[in-house]
Amino acid sequence: MSRPDVVGKLIATAAKAALLPLGCQRCGKSRTWISDQRFWLIVVEFQPSSFEKGSYLNVGAMWLWRARKGNAFNAGYRVADFVPFYTPEQFSSAATELAAKAAQEVQILREKFRSLYDIYRYLMDHTSEKNWHIFHVAIAAGLVGDIETARRLFRKSAEMPSRGTQWEIELQAKNAALAAQLDQTDLFRSSVLAIIQECRLLNGLPEDLECLDRA
């Protein structure tokens, strides 16, 4: 007979009390919660360890203009180091503190990324040579009307060395299609919206055809 997941239950109870009132939702029976911000998500992960009972806490933003199944941390990640489980009483208190920290981080990210312009400015200020980061910045730039920056970054992403992996092939195709639409604002925006809807569908989220209207 399998042993009950005491740690998981304590985390679930604490997270429900702290995150549910903020409109966050639990992903099935996992240790992951999300806040649906329409064209992006806040991902809260009470990450287990492979070596001992307890939890880390990861909180970050995931942009939905890359169609993928599963969560990602595009901005932010580890916000609390590993807290070990010793006793139910000790970890109940620890889980409450982790959940409170998670709720605080959710509110911070909501305030930080209140608009698409906030995301754009953040991405422009946090440069990275990683291909997907460049792609994300190009999308944000195109959506806020910084067409020259978007064009330059799509070109930069397309010219980066490729090993021919599936994700690189996918990225190259998206680069070419979106870069060609930059001079047609409505077409570019509708194409990005279609990607967002595909990503929402892949992750079990309801369709939101107006998610960019007030971005």
Protein backbone atom coordinates (compact mmCIF):
# COMPACT_ATOMS: atom_id res chain seq x y z
CA MET A 1 0.00 0.00 0.00
CA SER A 2 1.38 3.40 -0.98
CA ARG A 3 2.05 5.94 1.75
CA PRO A 4 -0.14 9.04 1.80
CA ASP A 5 1.38 12.19 0.32
CA VAL A 6 1.38 14.26 3.49
CA VAL A 7 3.57 16.98 1.97
CA GLY A 8 1.33 17.30 -1.08
CA LYS A 9 -1.80 17.54 1.04
CA LEU A 10 -0.32 20.19 3.31
CA ILE A 11 0.81 22.23 0.30
CA ALA A 12 -2.61 21.88 -1.36
CA THR A 13 -4.37 23.11 1.78
CA ALA A 14 -2.06 26.08 2.23
CA ALA A 15 -2.10 27.00 -1.48
CA LYS A 16 -5.89 26.82 -1.63
CA ALA A 17 -6.18 29.24 1.29
CA ALA A 18 -3.65 31.71 -0.14
CA LEU A 19 -4.07 31.47 -3.92
CA LEU A 20 -7.71 30.63 -4.55
CA PRO A 21 -8.91 34.03 -3.25
CA LEU A 22 -6.60 35.67 -5.82
CA GLY A 23 -8.32 33.82 -8.65
CA CYS A 24 -5.53 31.29 -9.15
CA GLN A 25 -6.42 27.73 -10.11
CA ARG A 26 -4.75 24.43 -9.37
CA CYS A 27 -3.56 22.32 -12.28
CA GLY A 28 -5.36 19.06 -11.62
CA LYS A 29 -3.98 17.41 -8.51
CA SER A 30 -0.47 18.69 -9.04
CA ARG A 31 1.60 21.10 -6.99
CA THR A 32 1.27 23.72 -9.72
CA TRP A 33 -1.15 26.66 -9.73
CA ILE A 34 -1.71 29.26 -12.43
CA SER A 35 -3.13 32.74 -12.67
CA ASP A 36 -4.68 33.30 -16.09
CA GLN A 37 -3.66 36.78 -17.29
CA ARG A 38 -5.23 36.18 -20.71
CA PHE A 39 -2.21 36.48 -23.05
CA TRP A 40 0.20 35.31 -20.35
CA LEU A 41 0.15 33.16 -17.23
CA ILE A 42 1.61 33.35 -13.78
CA VAL A 43 2.93 29.89 -12.90
CA VAL A 44 3.29 28.89 -9.25
CA GLU A 45 5.16 25.64 -8.68
CA PHE A 46 5.72 24.02 -5.29
CA GLN A 47 8.55 21.95 -6.72
CA PRO A 48 9.44 18.65 -5.00
CA SER A 49 12.95 17.29 -4.60
CA SER A 50 14.18 13.96 -5.94
CA PHE A 51 16.10 13.34 -2.74
CA GLU A 52 13.92 14.27 0.22
CA LYS A 53 10.44 15.35 1.18
CA GLY A 54 9.70 19.04 1.07
CA SER A 55 9.34 21.81 -1.48
CA TYR A 56 11.00 24.61 -3.39
CA LEU A 57 8.88 27.53 -4.60
CA ASN A 58 9.05 28.78 -8.18
CA VAL A 59 6.92 31.66 -9.46
CA GLY A 60 7.18 33.28 -12.87
CA ALA A 61 5.49 34.56 -15.99
CA MET A 62 4.81 32.51 -19.11
CA TRP A 63 4.06 34.31 -22.38
CA LEU A 64 1.40 32.48 -24.37
CA TRP A 65 2.53 33.53 -27.84
CA ARG A 66 4.53 30.33 -28.13
CA ALA A 67 2.18 27.40 -28.71
CA ARG A 68 3.37 24.71 -26.34
CA LYS A 69 1.86 22.29 -23.87
CA GLY A 70 3.11 22.64 -20.33
CA ASN A 71 4.36 25.47 -18.19
CA ALA A 72 7.42 27.64 -18.67
CA PHE A 73 9.16 30.36 -16.68
CA ASN A 74 9.91 33.12 -19.18
CA ALA A 75 10.34 35.76 -16.47
CA GLY A 76 11.12 34.80 -12.88
CA TYR A 77 11.64 31.37 -11.35
CA ARG A 78 13.03 30.36 -7.93
CA VAL A 79 11.70 32.57 -5.14
CA ALA A 80 12.23 30.28 -2.13
CA ASP A 81 14.86 27.61 -1.49
CA PHE A 82 14.06 24.07 -0.48
CA VAL A 83 12.09 23.63 2.74
CA PRO A 84 12.42 20.07 4.10
CA PHE A 85 9.66 18.06 5.73
CA TYR A 86 10.34 16.87 9.27
CA THR A 87 6.93 16.61 10.88
CA PRO A 88 3.38 17.43 9.77
CA GLU A 89 3.22 20.26 12.29
CA GLN A 90 6.52 21.79 11.18
CA PHE A 91 5.73 21.51 7.48
CA SER A 92 2.17 22.78 7.85
CA SER A 93 3.64 26.05 9.10
CA ALA A 94 6.29 26.02 6.35
CA ALA A 95 3.68 25.35 3.65
CA THR A 96 1.61 28.27 4.91
CA GLU A 97 4.66 30.53 4.62
CA LEU A 98 5.46 29.25 1.12
CA ALA A 99 1.88 29.80 0.00
CA ALA A 100 1.87 33.32 1.43
CA LYS A 101 5.11 34.02 -0.44
CA ALA A 102 3.53 32.64 -3.62
CA ALA A 103 0.50 34.91 -3.21
CA GLN A 104 2.78 37.89 -2.73
CA GLU A 105 4.73 37.03 -5.88
CA VAL A 106 1.51 36.65 -7.89
CA GLN A 107 0.46 40.15 -6.91
CA ILE A 108 3.91 41.53 -7.68
CA LEU A 109 3.87 40.03 -11.18
CA ARG A 110 0.35 41.27 -11.85
CA GLU A 111 1.46 44.78 -10.97
CA LYS A 112 4.75 44.48 -12.83
CA PHE A 113 3.15 43.31 -16.08
CA ARG A 114 -0.10 45.27 -16.05
CA SER A 115 0.09 45.92 -19.81
CA LEU A 116 1.75 44.67 -22.94
CA TYR A 117 3.97 47.75 -22.82
CA ASP A 118 5.22 46.67 -19.39
CA ILE A 119 6.15 43.27 -20.78
CA TYR A 120 7.82 44.87 -23.79
CA ARG A 121 9.90 47.20 -21.60
CA TYR A 122 10.87 44.34 -19.30
CA LEU A 123 11.99 42.15 -22.19
CA MET A 124 13.95 44.98 -23.78
CA ASP A 125 15.75 45.60 -20.48
CA HIS A 126 16.55 41.92 -19.88
CA THR A 127 18.53 40.92 -22.91
CA SER A 128 19.50 37.34 -23.61
CA GLU A 129 21.10 35.55 -26.52
CA LYS A 130 18.74 32.60 -26.14
CA ASN A 131 16.74 32.12 -29.31
CA TRP A 132 13.31 31.91 -27.69
CA HIS A 133 13.96 35.05 -25.65
CA ILE A 134 14.77 36.97 -28.83
CA PHE A 135 11.58 35.62 -30.38
CA HIS A 136 9.52 36.75 -27.36
CA VAL A 137 10.97 40.26 -27.52
CA ALA A 138 10.28 40.43 -31.25
CA ILE A 139 6.63 39.48 -30.68
CA ALA A 140 6.20 42.07 -27.94
CA ALA A 141 7.88 44.75 -30.04
CA GLY A 142 5.63 43.99 -32.99
CA LEU A 143 2.51 44.12 -30.83
CA VAL A 144 3.34 47.55 -29.37
CA GLY A 145 4.24 48.97 -32.77
CA ASP A 146 8.05 48.99 -32.54
CA ILE A 147 8.29 47.49 -35.99
CA GLU A 148 11.97 48.17 -36.64
CA THR A 149 13.02 46.44 -33.42
CA ALA A 150 10.71 43.53 -34.16
CA ARG A 151 12.11 43.19 -37.67
CA ARG A 152 15.70 43.32 -36.40
CA LEU A 153 15.05 40.69 -33.72
CA PHE A 154 13.15 38.33 -36.02
CA ARG A 155 16.11 38.57 -38.39
CA LYS A 156 18.57 37.96 -35.55
CA SER A 157 16.63 34.92 -34.38
CA ALA A 158 16.44 33.54 -37.91
CA GLU A 159 20.19 33.92 -38.41
CA MET A 160 21.21 32.12 -35.22
CA PRO A 161 23.01 28.75 -35.69
CA SER A 162 20.66 25.78 -35.91
CA ARG A 163 21.17 22.09 -35.25
CA GLY A 164 17.98 21.21 -37.07
CA THR A 165 16.03 20.19 -33.98
CA GLN A 166 12.23 20.21 -34.06
CA TRP A 167 11.90 23.33 -31.91
CA GLU A 168 14.40 25.18 -34.10
CA ILE A 169 12.50 24.21 -37.24
CA GLU A 170 9.29 25.38 -35.58
CA LEU A 171 10.89 28.66 -34.54
CA GLN A 172 12.29 29.35 -38.01
CA ALA A 173 8.86 28.84 -39.54
CA LYS A 174 7.21 31.18 -37.02
CA ASN A 175 9.96 33.75 -37.55
CA ALA A 176 9.48 33.81 -41.30
CA ALA A 177 5.68 33.97 -41.17
CA LEU A 178 5.47 36.70 -38.53
CA ALA A 179 8.31 38.81 -39.91
CA ALA A 180 6.53 38.90 -43.27
CA GLN A 181 3.43 40.35 -41.60
CA LEU A 182 5.02 43.19 -39.63
CA ASP A 183 3.90 45.85 -42.10
CA GLN A 184 0.29 44.63 -41.82
CA THR A 185 -0.59 45.44 -38.23
CA ASP A 186 -3.96 43.72 -38.12
CA LEU A 187 -2.65 40.58 -39.79
CA PHE A 188 0.35 40.38 -37.47
CA ARG A 189 -1.86 40.86 -34.42
CA SER A 190 -4.38 38.24 -35.56
CA SER A 191 -1.56 35.75 -36.20
CA VAL A 192 -0.17 36.25 -32.70
CA LEU A 193 -3.69 35.94 -31.31
CA ALA A 194 -4.08 32.61 -33.13
CA ILE A 195 -0.86 31.34 -31.51
CA ILE A 196 -2.12 32.43 -28.09
CA GLN A 197 -5.41 30.62 -28.62
CA GLU A 198 -3.57 27.47 -29.69
CA CYS A 199 -1.41 27.65 -26.57
CA ARG A 200 -4.47 28.19 -24.38
CA LEU A 201 -6.15 25.18 -25.95
CA LEU A 202 -3.08 22.99 -25.49
CA ASN A 203 -3.07 23.86 -21.79
CA GLY A 204 -6.77 23.35 -21.18
CA LEU A 205 -7.62 27.05 -20.96
CA PRO A 206 -10.80 28.53 -22.43
CA GLU A 207 -10.69 30.45 -25.69
CA ASP A 208 -10.20 34.20 -25.26
CA LEU A 209 -10.50 36.00 -28.58
CA GLU A 210 -10.29 39.45 -26.98
CA CYS A 211 -7.18 38.86 -24.86
CA LEU A 212 -5.14 41.43 -26.80
CA ASP A 213 -7.83 44.10 -27.07
CA ARG A 214 -6.79 45.97 -23.95
CA ALA A 215 -3.22 44.73 -23.80
